[in-house]
Amino acid sequence: MNRTGAVALLLMLVTTSAQAEELVGAAWYGNELRGHRTASGEMFDPDGLTAAHRSLPFGTCLVVGNPRTGQTVSVRVNDRGPFATGLTLDLSSGAAKAIGMRSTESVTMRRC
C-alpha cells in the first residue's frame, strides 16, 4: 500500500469512529425548568432541541434516534446531566416529543 492509500485509510477509520452510533439511556425534562439557567448559562427552553450530557462540550451537535419509532432529531448540548444511574442523555421535552419518546428509553446517539 502506498503512502497516499495509507493516509486515506487512516482518515476513513478516524471519520467512521467519530460518527459511531451508541445505544444509550435517555430521559427528558421540560416545563418545570422553563426559564432556569442551564450549565452553559442559557435560559432553558423546554420546546427547544437541546440536551444535557455529563462531559460533551457545550455546543456539540448530536443526532438522537428512537429505535421504537424510527424518528431522529438533531440536538445541541447546552446543559450537564443526567445524574441518574444508567442514563447518558437528558433531552428537552421538545426533542423528546420530536422522536416520540414517552418516558425513559434507550435511544441512539451520534455526533452530527
PDB file of N, CA and C in Angstrom:
ATOM      1  N   MET A   1       0.866  -1.172   0.000  1.00  0.00           N
ATOM      2  CA  MET A   1       0.000   0.000   0.000  1.00  0.00           C
ATOM      3  C   MET A   1       0.911   1.233   0.000  1.00  0.00           C
ATOM      4  N   ASN A   2       0.602   2.179  -0.868  1.00  0.00           N
ATOM      5  CA  ASN A   2       1.430   3.385  -0.906  1.00  0.00           C
ATOM      6  C   ASN A   2       1.046   4.344   0.214  1.00  0.00           C
ATOM      7  N   ARG A   3       1.842   5.380   0.359  1.00  0.00           N
ATOM      8  CA  ARG A   3       1.651   6.341   1.463  1.00  0.00           C
ATOM      9  C   ARG A   3       0.292   7.036   1.373  1.00  0.00           C
ATOM     10  N   THR A   4      -0.129   7.425   0.175  1.00  0.00           N
ATOM     11  CA  THR A   4      -1.420   8.099  -0.007  1.00  0.00           C
ATOM     12  C   THR A   4      -2.567   7.174   0.394  1.00  0.00           C
ATOM     13  N   GLY A   5      -2.464   5.917   0.015  1.00  0.00           N
ATOM     14  CA  GLY A   5      -3.500   4.950   0.380  1.00  0.00           C
ATOM     15  C   GLY A   5      -3.584   4.738   1.879  1.00  0.00           C
ATOM     16  N   ALA A   6      -2.435   4.706   2.542  1.00  0.00           N
ATOM     17  CA  ALA A   6      -2.410   4.524   3.999  1.00  0.00           C
ATOM     18  C   ALA A   6      -3.043   5.714   4.700  1.00  0.00           C
ATOM     19  N   VAL A   7      -2.742   6.926   4.223  1.00  0.00           N
ATOM     20  CA  VAL A   7      -3.327   8.133   4.821  1.00  0.00           C
ATOM     21  C   VAL A   7      -4.837   8.139   4.608  1.00  0.00           C
ATOM     22  N   ALA A   8      -5.283   7.787   3.410  1.00  0.00           N
ATOM     23  CA  ALA A   8      -6.723   7.752   3.121  1.00  0.00           C
ATOM     24  C   ALA A   8      -7.427   6.739   4.017  1.00  0.00           C
ATOM     25  N   LEU A   9      -6.832   5.567   4.208  1.00  0.00           N
ATOM     26  CA  LEU A   9      -7.421   4.548   5.072  1.00  0.00           C
ATOM     27  C   LEU A   9      -7.505   5.034   6.512  1.00  0.00           C
ATOM     28  N   LEU A  10      -6.454   5.669   6.990  1.00  0.00           N
ATOM     29  CA  LEU A  10      -6.447   6.202   8.353  1.00  0.00           C
ATOM     30  C   LEU A  10      -7.541   7.251   8.527  1.00  0.00           C
ATOM     31  N   LEU A  11      -7.683   8.157   7.571  1.00  0.00           N
ATOM     32  CA  LEU A  11      -8.734   9.182   7.650  1.00  0.00           C
ATOM     33  C   LEU A  11     -10.123   8.550   7.660  1.00  0.00           C
ATOM     34  N   MET A  12     -10.319   7.508   6.853  1.00  0.00           N
ATOM     35  CA  MET A  12     -11.606   6.820   6.843  1.00  0.00           C
ATOM     36  C   MET A  12     -11.913   6.206   8.201  1.00  0.00           C
ATOM     37  N   LEU A  13     -10.933   5.583   8.815  1.00  0.00           N
ATOM     38  CA  LEU A  13     -11.137   4.961  10.119  1.00  0.00           C
ATOM     39  C   LEU A  13     -11.457   5.996  11.183  1.00  0.00           C
ATOM     40  N   VAL A  14     -10.751   7.120  11.178  1.00  0.00           N
ATOM     41  CA  VAL A  14     -10.995   8.178  12.158  1.00  0.00           C
ATOM     42  C   VAL A  14     -12.388   8.749  11.967  1.00  0.00           C
ATOM     43  N   THR A  15     -12.783   9.016  10.720  1.00  0.00           N
ATOM     44  CA  THR A  15     -14.108   9.566  10.433  1.00  0.00           C
ATOM     45  C   THR A  15     -15.192   8.588  10.852  1.00  0.00           C
ATOM     46  N   THR A  16     -15.005   7.312  10.560  1.00  0.00           N
ATOM     47  CA  THR A  16     -16.001   6.311  10.919  1.00  0.00           C
ATOM     48  C   THR A  16     -16.174   6.220  12.424  1.00  0.00           C
ATOM     49  N   SER A  17     -15.083   6.207  13.172  1.00  0.00           N
ATOM     50  CA  SER A  17     -15.206   6.085  14.619  1.00  0.00           C
ATOM     51  C   SER A  17     -15.807   7.342  15.234  1.00  0.00           C
ATOM     52  N   ALA A  18     -15.561   8.507  14.630  1.00  0.00           N
ATOM     53  CA  ALA A  18     -16.131   9.750  15.159  1.00  0.00           C
ATOM     54  C   ALA A  18     -17.642   9.785  14.973  1.00  0.00           C
ATOM     55  N   GLN A  19     -18.139   9.053  13.977  1.00  0.00           N
ATOM     56  CA  GLN A  19     -19.572   9.044  13.693  1.00  0.00           C
ATOM     57  C   GLN A  19     -20.265   7.805  14.271  1.00  0.00           C
ATOM     58  N   ALA A  20     -19.588   7.073  15.136  1.00  0.00           N
ATOM     59  CA  ALA A  20     -20.144   5.843  15.685  1.00  0.00           C
ATOM     60  C   ALA A  20     -21.424   6.122  16.462  1.00  0.00           C
ATOM     61  N   GLU A  21     -22.388   5.269  16.244  1.00  0.00           N
ATOM     62  CA  GLU A  21     -23.677   5.402  16.922  1.00  0.00           C
ATOM     63  C   GLU A  21     -23.665   4.537  18.177  1.00  0.00           C
ATOM     64  N   GLU A  22     -24.165   5.096  19.264  1.00  0.00           N
ATOM     65  CA  GLU A  22     -24.243   4.368  20.531  1.00  0.00           C
ATOM     66  C   GLU A  22     -25.703   4.233  20.934  1.00  0.00           C
ATOM     67  N   LEU A  23     -26.033   3.157  21.612  1.00  0.00           N
ATOM     68  CA  LEU A  23     -27.353   2.992  22.219  1.00  0.00           C
ATOM     69  C   LEU A  23     -27.199   3.362  23.688  1.00  0.00           C
ATOM     70  N   VAL A  24     -27.928   4.397  24.125  1.00  0.00           N
ATOM     71  CA  VAL A  24     -27.767   4.929  25.484  1.00  0.00           C
ATOM     72  C   VAL A  24     -29.125   5.140  26.139  1.00  0.00           C
ATOM     73  N   GLY A  25     -29.125   5.217  27.453  1.00  0.00           N
ATOM     74  CA  GLY A  25     -30.338   5.540  28.197  1.00  0.00           C
ATOM     75  C   GLY A  25     -30.575   7.041  28.186  1.00  0.00           C
ATOM     76  N   ALA A  26     -31.835   7.430  28.018  1.00  0.00           N
ATOM     77  CA  ALA A  26     -32.173   8.857  27.986  1.00  0.00           C
ATOM     78  C   ALA A  26     -33.485   9.110  28.710  1.00  0.00           C
ATOM     79  N   ALA A  27     -33.580  10.304  29.260  1.00  0.00           N
ATOM     80  CA  ALA A  27     -34.817  10.795  29.872  1.00  0.00           C
ATOM     81  C   ALA A  27     -35.049  12.186  29.300  1.00  0.00           C
ATOM     82  N   TRP A  28     -36.103  12.835  29.741  1.00  0.00           N
ATOM     83  CA  TRP A  28     -36.355  14.203  29.282  1.00  0.00           C
ATOM     84  C   TRP A  28     -36.850  15.064  30.427  1.00  0.00           C
ATOM     85  N   TYR A  29     -36.692  16.362  30.256  1.00  0.00           N
ATOM     86  CA  TYR A  29     -37.170  17.322  31.252  1.00  0.00           C
ATOM     87  C   TYR A  29     -37.792  18.496  30.519  1.00  0.00           C
ATOM     88  N   GLY A  30     -38.717  19.197  31.204  1.00  0.00           N
ATOM     89  CA  GLY A  30     -39.483  20.196  30.480  1.00  0.00           C
ATOM     90  C   GLY A  30     -39.882  21.415  31.273  1.00  0.00           C
ATOM     91  N   ASN A  31     -41.198  21.673  31.312  1.00  0.00           N
ATOM     92  CA  ASN A  31     -41.739  22.929  31.833  1.00  0.00           C
ATOM     93  C   ASN A  31     -41.312  23.267  33.251  1.00  0.00           C
ATOM     94  N   GLU A  32     -41.028  22.265  34.067  1.00  0.00           N
ATOM     95  CA  GLU A  32     -40.652  22.544  35.457  1.00  0.00           C
ATOM     96  C   GLU A  32     -39.359  23.358  35.545  1.00  0.00           C
ATOM     97  N   LEU A  33     -38.556  23.345  34.491  1.00  0.00           N
ATOM     98  CA  LEU A  33     -37.298  24.103  34.494  1.00  0.00           C
ATOM     99  C   LEU A  33     -37.301  25.270  33.505  1.00  0.00           C
ATOM    100  N   ARG A  34     -38.460  25.565  32.928  1.00  0.00           N
ATOM    101  CA  ARG A  34     -38.554  26.678  31.971  1.00  0.00           C
ATOM    102  C   ARG A  34     -38.001  27.953  32.609  1.00  0.00           C
ATOM    103  N   GLY A  35     -37.110  28.622  31.893  1.00  0.00           N
ATOM    104  CA  GLY A  35     -36.558  29.884  32.368  1.00  0.00           C
ATOM    105  C   GLY A  35     -35.375  29.762  33.305  1.00  0.00           C
ATOM    106  N   HIS A  36     -35.100  28.561  33.815  1.00  0.00           N
ATOM    107  CA  HIS A  36     -33.902  28.379  34.646  1.00  0.00           C
ATOM    108  C   HIS A  36     -32.671  28.385  33.740  1.00  0.00           C
ATOM    109  N   ARG A  37     -31.553  28.744  34.291  1.00  0.00           N
ATOM    110  CA  ARG A  37     -30.307  28.733  33.517  1.00  0.00           C
ATOM    111  C   ARG A  37     -29.747  27.310  33.439  1.00  0.00           C
ATOM    112  N   THR A  38     -29.265  26.968  32.253  1.00  0.00           N
ATOM    113  CA  THR A  38     -28.581  25.693  32.075  1.00  0.00           C
ATOM    114  C   THR A  38     -27.132  25.858  32.537  1.00  0.00           C
ATOM    115  N   ALA A  39     -26.400  24.765  32.563  1.00  0.00           N
ATOM    116  CA  ALA A  39     -24.994  24.826  32.972  1.00  0.00           C
ATOM    117  C   ALA A  39     -24.156  25.683  32.026  1.00  0.00           C
ATOM    118  N   SER A  40     -24.623  25.860  30.790  1.00  0.00           N
ATOM    119  CA  SER A  40     -23.896  26.705  29.835  1.00  0.00           C
ATOM    120  C   SER A  40     -24.235  28.179  30.004  1.00  0.00           C
ATOM    121  N   GLY A  41     -25.225  28.480  30.862  1.00  0.00           N
ATOM    122  CA  GLY A  41     -25.622  29.862  31.097  1.00  0.00           C
ATOM    123  C   GLY A  41     -26.843  30.303  30.313  1.00  0.00           C
ATOM    124  N   GLU A  42     -27.313  29.469  29.379  1.00  0.00           N
ATOM    125  CA  GLU A  42     -28.512  29.798  28.603  1.00  0.00           C
ATOM    126  C   GLU A  42     -29.761  29.596  29.445  1.00  0.00           C
ATOM    127  N   MET A  43     -30.812  30.292  29.086  1.00  0.00           N
ATOM    128  CA  MET A  43     -32.119  30.029  29.689  1.00  0.00           C
ATOM    129  C   MET A  43     -32.658  28.739  29.071  1.00  0.00           C
ATOM    130  N   PHE A  44     -33.190  27.852  29.896  1.00  0.00           N
ATOM    131  CA  PHE A  44     -33.730  26.594  29.390  1.00  0.00           C
ATOM    132  C   PHE A  44     -35.063  26.833  28.706  1.00  0.00           C
ATOM    133  N   ASP A  45     -35.178  26.331  27.479  1.00  0.00           N
ATOM    134  CA  ASP A  45     -36.421  26.380  26.710  1.00  0.00           C
ATOM    135  C   ASP A  45     -36.870  24.945  26.486  1.00  0.00           C
ATOM    136  N   PRO A  46     -37.922  24.500  27.175  1.00  0.00           N
ATOM    137  CA  PRO A  46     -38.342  23.109  27.029  1.00  0.00           C
ATOM    138  C   PRO A  46     -38.765  22.749  25.607  1.00  0.00           C
ATOM    139  N   ASP A  47     -39.169  23.754  24.822  1.00  0.00           N
ATOM    140  CA  ASP A  47     -39.588  23.491  23.448  1.00  0.00           C
ATOM    141  C   ASP A  47     -38.411  23.455  22.475  1.00  0.00           C
ATOM    142  N   GLY A  48     -37.229  23.826  22.945  1.00  0.00           N
ATOM    143  CA  GLY A  48     -36.038  23.820  22.095  1.00  0.00           C
ATOM    144  C   GLY A  48     -35.535  22.403  21.857  1.00  0.00           C
ATOM    145  N   LEU A  49     -34.581  22.295  20.962  1.00  0.00           N
ATOM    146  CA  LEU A  49     -33.996  20.990  20.633  1.00  0.00           C
ATOM    147  C   LEU A  49     -32.603  20.922  21.247  1.00  0.00           C
ATOM    148  N   THR A  50     -32.584  20.667  22.552  1.00  0.00           N
ATOM    149  CA  THR A  50     -31.337  20.669  23.308  1.00  0.00           C
ATOM    150  C   THR A  50     -31.224  19.411  24.158  1.00  0.00           C
ATOM    151  N   ALA A  51     -30.026  19.228  24.721  1.00  0.00           N
ATOM    152  CA  ALA A  51     -29.775  18.043  25.543  1.00  0.00           C
ATOM    153  C   ALA A  51     -28.748  18.358  26.617  1.00  0.00           C
ATOM    154  N   ALA A  52     -28.772  17.538  27.655  1.00  0.00           N
ATOM    155  CA  ALA A  52     -27.762  17.578  28.709  1.00  0.00           C
ATOM    156  C   ALA A  52     -26.921  16.308  28.599  1.00  0.00           C
ATOM    157  N   HIS A  53     -25.613  16.474  28.746  1.00  0.00           N
ATOM    158  CA  HIS A  53     -24.667  15.355  28.748  1.00  0.00           C
ATOM    159  C   HIS A  53     -23.604  15.678  29.789  1.00  0.00           C
ATOM    160  N   ARG A  54     -23.088  14.659  30.451  1.00  0.00           N
ATOM    161  CA  ARG A  54     -22.139  14.906  31.532  1.00  0.00           C
ATOM    162  C   ARG A  54     -20.800  15.484  31.072  1.00  0.00           C
ATOM    163  N   SER A  55     -20.326  15.123  29.878  1.00  0.00           N
ATOM    164  CA  SER A  55     -18.964  15.530  29.521  1.00  0.00           C
ATOM    165  C   SER A  55     -18.773  16.129  28.134  1.00  0.00           C
ATOM    166  N   LEU A  56     -19.697  15.951  27.216  1.00  0.00           N
ATOM    167  CA  LEU A  56     -19.501  16.522  25.881  1.00  0.00           C
ATOM    168  C   LEU A  56     -19.463  18.045  25.962  1.00  0.00           C
ATOM    169  N   PRO A  57     -18.642  18.687  25.147  1.00  0.00           N
ATOM    170  CA  PRO A  57     -18.560  20.151  25.188  1.00  0.00           C
ATOM    171  C   PRO A  57     -19.900  20.807  24.842  1.00  0.00           C
ATOM    172  N   PHE A  58     -20.165  21.945  25.482  1.00  0.00           N
ATOM    173  CA  PHE A  58     -21.356  22.709  25.122  1.00  0.00           C
ATOM    174  C   PHE A  58     -21.272  23.052  23.639  1.00  0.00           C
ATOM    175  N   GLY A  59     -22.411  22.991  22.973  1.00  0.00           N
ATOM    176  CA  GLY A  59     -22.463  23.279  21.543  1.00  0.00           C
ATOM    177  C   GLY A  59     -22.329  22.051  20.668  1.00  0.00           C
ATOM    178  N   THR A  60     -21.969  20.906  21.250  1.00  0.00           N
ATOM    179  CA  THR A  60     -21.853  19.680  20.464  1.00  0.00           C
ATOM    180  C   THR A  60     -23.208  19.334  19.867  1.00  0.00           C
ATOM    181  N   CYS A  61     -23.211  19.034  18.573  1.00  0.00           N
ATOM    182  CA  CYS A  61     -24.437  18.625  17.886  1.00  0.00           C
ATOM    183  C   CYS A  61     -24.520  17.100  17.905  1.00  0.00           C
ATOM    184  N   LEU A  62     -25.673  16.584  18.302  1.00  0.00           N
ATOM    185  CA  LEU A  62     -25.915  15.144  18.339  1.00  0.00           C
ATOM    186  C   LEU A  62     -27.159  14.808  17.531  1.00  0.00           C
ATOM    187  N   VAL A  63     -27.125  13.677  16.860  1.00  0.00           N
ATOM    188  CA  VAL A  63     -28.329  13.125  16.243  1.00  0.00           C
ATOM    189  C   VAL A  63     -28.813  12.037  17.183  1.00  0.00           C
ATOM    190  N   VAL A  64     -30.027  12.208  17.686  1.00  0.00           N
ATOM    191  CA  VAL A  64     -30.611  11.266  18.637  1.00  0.00           C
ATOM    192  C   VAL A  64     -31.777  10.574  17.945  1.00  0.00           C
ATOM    193  N   GLY A  65     -31.819   9.254  18.042  1.00  0.00           N
ATOM    194  CA  GLY A  65     -32.875   8.490  17.388  1.00  0.00           C
ATOM    195  C   GLY A  65     -33.614   7.597  18.358  1.00  0.00           C
ATOM    196  N   ASN A  66     -34.880   7.393  18.071  1.00  0.00           N
ATOM    197  CA  ASN A  66     -35.707   6.492  18.867  1.00  0.00           C
ATOM    198  C   ASN A  66     -35.901   5.211  18.061  1.00  0.00           C
ATOM    199  N   PRO A  67     -35.255   4.113  18.454  1.00  0.00           N
ATOM    200  CA  PRO A  67     -35.390   2.862  17.709  1.00  0.00           C
ATOM    201  C   PRO A  67     -36.833   2.355  17.635  1.00  0.00           C
ATOM    202  N   ARG A  68     -37.633   2.696  18.629  1.00  0.00           N
ATOM    203  CA  ARG A  68     -39.027   2.239  18.654  1.00  0.00           C
ATOM    204  C   ARG A  68     -39.854   2.902  17.556  1.00  0.00           C
ATOM    205  N   THR A  69     -39.600   4.202  17.304  1.00  0.00           N
ATOM    206  CA  THR A  69     -40.402   4.941  16.321  1.00  0.00           C
ATOM    207  C   THR A  69     -39.681   5.157  14.997  1.00  0.00           C
ATOM    208  N   GLY A  70     -38.359   5.020  15.001  1.00  0.00           N
ATOM    209  CA  GLY A  70     -37.583   5.289  13.798  1.00  0.00           C
ATOM    210  C   GLY A  70     -37.334   6.770  13.551  1.00  0.00           C
ATOM    211  N   GLN A  71     -37.771   7.635  14.455  1.00  0.00           N
ATOM    212  CA  GLN A  71     -37.608   9.078  14.286  1.00  0.00           C
ATOM    213  C   GLN A  71     -36.271   9.543  14.856  1.00  0.00           C
ATOM    214  N   THR A  72     -35.698  10.593  14.240  1.00  0.00           N
ATOM    215  CA  THR A  72     -34.456  11.182  14.728  1.00  0.00           C
ATOM    216  C   THR A  72     -34.614  12.693  14.856  1.00  0.00           C
ATOM    217  N   VAL A  73     -33.748  13.289  15.665  1.00  0.00           N
ATOM    218  CA  VAL A  73     -33.727  14.739  15.853  1.00  0.00           C
ATOM    219  C   VAL A  73     -32.284  15.163  16.120  1.00  0.00           C
ATOM    220  N   SER A  74     -31.921  16.338  15.636  1.00  0.00           N
ATOM    221  CA  SER A  74     -30.615  16.917  15.951  1.00  0.00           C
ATOM    222  C   SER A  74     -30.772  17.836  17.151  1.00  0.00           C
ATOM    223  N   VAL A  75     -29.907  17.656  18.137  1.00  0.00           N
ATOM    224  CA  VAL A  75     -29.956  18.479  19.350  1.00  0.00           C
ATOM    225  C   VAL A  75     -28.577  19.078  19.604  1.00  0.00           C
ATOM    226  N   ARG A  76     -28.557  20.119  20.411  1.00  0.00           N
ATOM    227  CA  ARG A  76     -27.319  20.786  20.804  1.00  0.00           C
ATOM    228  C   ARG A  76     -27.150  20.637  22.306  1.00  0.00           C
ATOM    229  N   VAL A  77     -25.969  20.201  22.734  1.00  0.00           N
ATOM    230  CA  VAL A  77     -25.687  20.056  24.165  1.00  0.00           C
ATOM    231  C   VAL A  77     -25.511  21.448  24.774  1.00  0.00           C
ATOM    232  N   ASN A  78     -26.356  21.764  25.775  1.00  0.00           N
ATOM    233  CA  ASN A  78     -26.247  23.063  26.450  1.00  0.00           C
ATOM    234  C   ASN A  78     -26.372  22.947  27.969  1.00  0.00           C
ATOM    235  N   ASP A  79     -26.370  21.707  28.480  1.00  0.00           N
ATOM    236  CA  ASP A  79     -26.550  21.517  29.917  1.00  0.00           C
ATOM    237  C   ASP A  79     -25.756  20.295  30.365  1.00  0.00           C
ATOM    238  N   ARG A  80     -25.637  20.119  31.660  1.00  0.00           N
ATOM    239  CA  ARG A  80     -24.959  18.965  32.241  1.00  0.00           C
ATOM    240  C   ARG A  80     -25.981  18.033  32.874  1.00  0.00           C
ATOM    241  N   GLY A  81     -25.690  16.779  32.852  1.00  0.00           N
ATOM    242  CA  GLY A  81     -26.557  15.750  33.379  1.00  0.00           C
ATOM    243  C   GLY A  81     -26.596  14.630  32.363  1.00  0.00           C
ATOM    244  N   PRO A  82     -27.424  13.662  32.526  1.00  0.00           N
ATOM    245  CA  PRO A  82     -28.271  13.399  33.689  1.00  0.00           C
ATOM    246  C   PRO A  82     -27.433  12.831  34.831  1.00  0.00           C
ATOM    247  N   PHE A  83     -28.002  12.885  35.994  1.00  0.00           N
ATOM    248  CA  PHE A  83     -27.287  12.423  37.179  1.00  0.00           C
ATOM    249  C   PHE A  83     -27.919  11.166  37.770  1.00  0.00           C
ATOM    250  N   ALA A  84     -28.753  10.500  36.999  1.00  0.00           N
ATOM    251  CA  ALA A  84     -29.369   9.238  37.413  1.00  0.00           C
ATOM    252  C   ALA A  84     -28.572   8.078  36.818  1.00  0.00           C
ATOM    253  N   THR A  85     -28.440   7.016  37.557  1.00  0.00           N
ATOM    254  CA  THR A  85     -27.716   5.833  37.104  1.00  0.00           C
ATOM    255  C   THR A  85     -28.353   5.266  35.840  1.00  0.00           C
ATOM    256  N   GLY A  86     -27.523   4.900  34.880  1.00  0.00           N
ATOM    257  CA  GLY A  86     -27.998   4.258  33.666  1.00  0.00           C
ATOM    258  C   GLY A  86     -28.417   5.208  32.560  1.00  0.00           C
ATOM    259  N   LEU A  87     -28.362   6.510  32.816  1.00  0.00           N
ATOM    260  CA  LEU A  87     -28.748   7.480  31.795  1.00  0.00           C
ATOM    261  C   LEU A  87     -27.524   8.233  31.291  1.00  0.00           C
ATOM    262  N   THR A  88     -27.511   8.506  29.991  1.00  0.00           N
ATOM    263  CA  THR A  88     -26.425   9.249  29.362  1.00  0.00           C
ATOM    264  C   THR A  88     -26.882  10.618  28.884  1.00  0.00           C
ATOM    265  N   LEU A  89     -28.161  10.734  28.513  1.00  0.00           N
ATOM    266  CA  LEU A  89     -28.705  11.985  27.973  1.00  0.00           C
ATOM    267  C   LEU A  89     -29.969  12.388  28.701  1.00  0.00           C
ATOM    268  N   ASP A  90     -30.146  13.697  28.868  1.00  0.00           N
ATOM    269  CA  ASP A  90     -31.428  14.298  29.236  1.00  0.00           C
ATOM    270  C   ASP A  90     -31.814  15.172  28.054  1.00  0.00           C
ATOM    271  N   LEU A  91     -32.946  14.913  27.460  1.00  0.00           N
ATOM    272  CA  LEU A  91     -33.417  15.707  26.327  1.00  0.00           C
ATOM    273  C   LEU A  91     -34.421  16.744  26.791  1.00  0.00           C
ATOM    274  N   SER A  92     -34.477  17.872  26.093  1.00  0.00           N
ATOM    275  CA  SER A  92     -35.563  18.820  26.337  1.00  0.00           C
ATOM    276  C   SER A  92     -36.859  18.135  25.914  1.00  0.00           C
ATOM    277  N   SER A  93     -37.980  18.577  26.461  1.00  0.00           N
ATOM    278  CA  SER A  93     -39.250  17.943  26.098  1.00  0.00           C
ATOM    279  C   SER A  93     -39.536  18.114  24.612  1.00  0.00           C
ATOM    280  N   GLY A  94     -39.078  19.220  24.004  1.00  0.00           N
ATOM    281  CA  GLY A  94     -39.262  19.419  22.563  1.00  0.00           C
ATOM    282  C   GLY A  94     -38.544  18.360  21.750  1.00  0.00           C
ATOM    283  N   ALA A  95     -37.322  18.025  22.148  1.00  0.00           N
ATOM    284  CA  ALA A  95     -36.559  16.991  21.450  1.00  0.00           C
ATOM    285  C   ALA A  95     -37.183  15.616  21.671  1.00  0.00           C
ATOM    286  N   ALA A  96     -37.613  15.348  22.902  1.00  0.00           N
ATOM    287  CA  ALA A  96     -38.248  14.060  23.206  1.00  0.00           C
ATOM    288  C   ALA A  96     -39.523  13.884  22.387  1.00  0.00           C
ATOM    289  N   LYS A  97     -40.301  14.941  22.290  1.00  0.00           N
ATOM    290  CA  LYS A  97     -41.548  14.889  21.514  1.00  0.00           C
ATOM    291  C   LYS A  97     -41.251  14.639  20.034  1.00  0.00           C
ATOM    292  N   ALA A  98     -40.182  15.238  19.524  1.00  0.00           N
ATOM    293  CA  ALA A  98     -39.827  15.102  18.111  1.00  0.00           C
ATOM    294  C   ALA A  98     -39.512  13.659  17.716  1.00  0.00           C
ATOM    295  N   ILE A  99     -39.066  12.844  18.677  1.00  0.00           N
ATOM    296  CA  ILE A  99     -38.752  11.442  18.361  1.00  0.00           C
ATOM    297  C   ILE A  99     -39.764  10.467  18.970  1.00  0.00           C
ATOM    298  N   GLY A 100     -40.850  10.994  19.497  1.00  0.00           N
ATOM    299  CA  GLY A 100     -41.896  10.129  20.040  1.00  0.00           C
ATOM    300  C   GLY A 100     -41.511   9.429  21.322  1.00  0.00           C
ATOM    301  N   MET A 101     -40.663  10.062  22.112  1.00  0.00           N
ATOM    302  CA  MET A 101     -40.200   9.464  23.370  1.00  0.00           C
ATOM    303  C   MET A 101     -41.270   9.640  24.434  1.00  0.00           C
ATOM    304  N   ARG A 102     -41.651   8.558  25.085  1.00  0.00           N
ATOM    305  CA  ARG A 102     -42.714   8.603  26.096  1.00  0.00           C
ATOM    306  C   ARG A 102     -42.186   8.856  27.499  1.00  0.00           C
ATOM    307  N   SER A 103     -41.113   8.202  27.827  1.00  0.00           N
ATOM    308  CA  SER A 103     -40.537   8.321  29.174  1.00  0.00           C
ATOM    309  C   SER A 103     -39.052   8.003  29.041  1.00  0.00           C
ATOM    310  N   THR A 104     -38.458   7.418  30.048  1.00  0.00           N
ATOM    311  CA  THR A 104     -37.063   6.997  29.950  1.00  0.00           C
ATOM    312  C   THR A 104     -36.987   5.852  28.948  1.00  0.00           C
ATOM    313  N   GLU A 105     -36.116   5.996  27.954  1.00  0.00           N
ATOM    314  CA  GLU A 105     -35.997   4.985  26.900  1.00  0.00           C
ATOM    315  C   GLU A 105     -34.550   4.863  26.457  1.00  0.00           C
ATOM    316  N   SER A 106     -34.265   3.811  25.730  1.00  0.00           N
ATOM    317  CA  SER A 106     -32.977   3.684  25.054  1.00  0.00           C
ATOM    318  C   SER A 106     -33.080   4.410  23.723  1.00  0.00           C
ATOM    319  N   VAL A 107     -32.073   5.230  23.437  1.00  0.00           N
ATOM    320  CA  VAL A 107     -32.033   5.973  22.178  1.00  0.00           C
ATOM    321  C   VAL A 107     -30.664   5.771  21.542  1.00  0.00           C
ATOM    322  N   THR A 108     -30.586   6.042  20.249  1.00  0.00           N
ATOM    323  CA  THR A 108     -29.290   6.045  19.589  1.00  0.00           C
ATOM    324  C   THR A 108     -28.747   7.463  19.630  1.00  0.00           C
ATOM    325  N   MET A 109     -27.430   7.570  19.692  1.00  0.00           N
ATOM    326  CA  MET A 109     -26.794   8.878  19.774  1.00  0.00           C
ATOM    327  C   MET A 109     -25.519   8.840  18.952  1.00  0.00           C
ATOM    328  N   ARG A 110     -25.337   9.862  18.109  1.00  0.00           N
ATOM    329  CA  ARG A 110     -24.080  10.040  17.383  1.00  0.00           C
ATOM    330  C   ARG A 110     -23.874  11.526  17.147  1.00  0.00           C
ATOM    331  N   ARG A 111     -22.642  11.917  16.926  1.00  0.00           N
ATOM    332  CA  ARG A 111     -22.364  13.322  16.620  1.00  0.00           C
ATOM    333  C   ARG A 111     -22.880  13.649  15.226  1.00  0.00           C
ATOM    334  N   CYS A 112     -23.308  14.892  15.039  1.00  0.00           N
ATOM    335  CA  CYS A 112     -23.792  15.355  13.728  1.00  0.00           C
ATOM    336  C   CYS A 112     -22.657  15.368  12.724  1.00  0.00           C
TER     337      CYS A 112
END
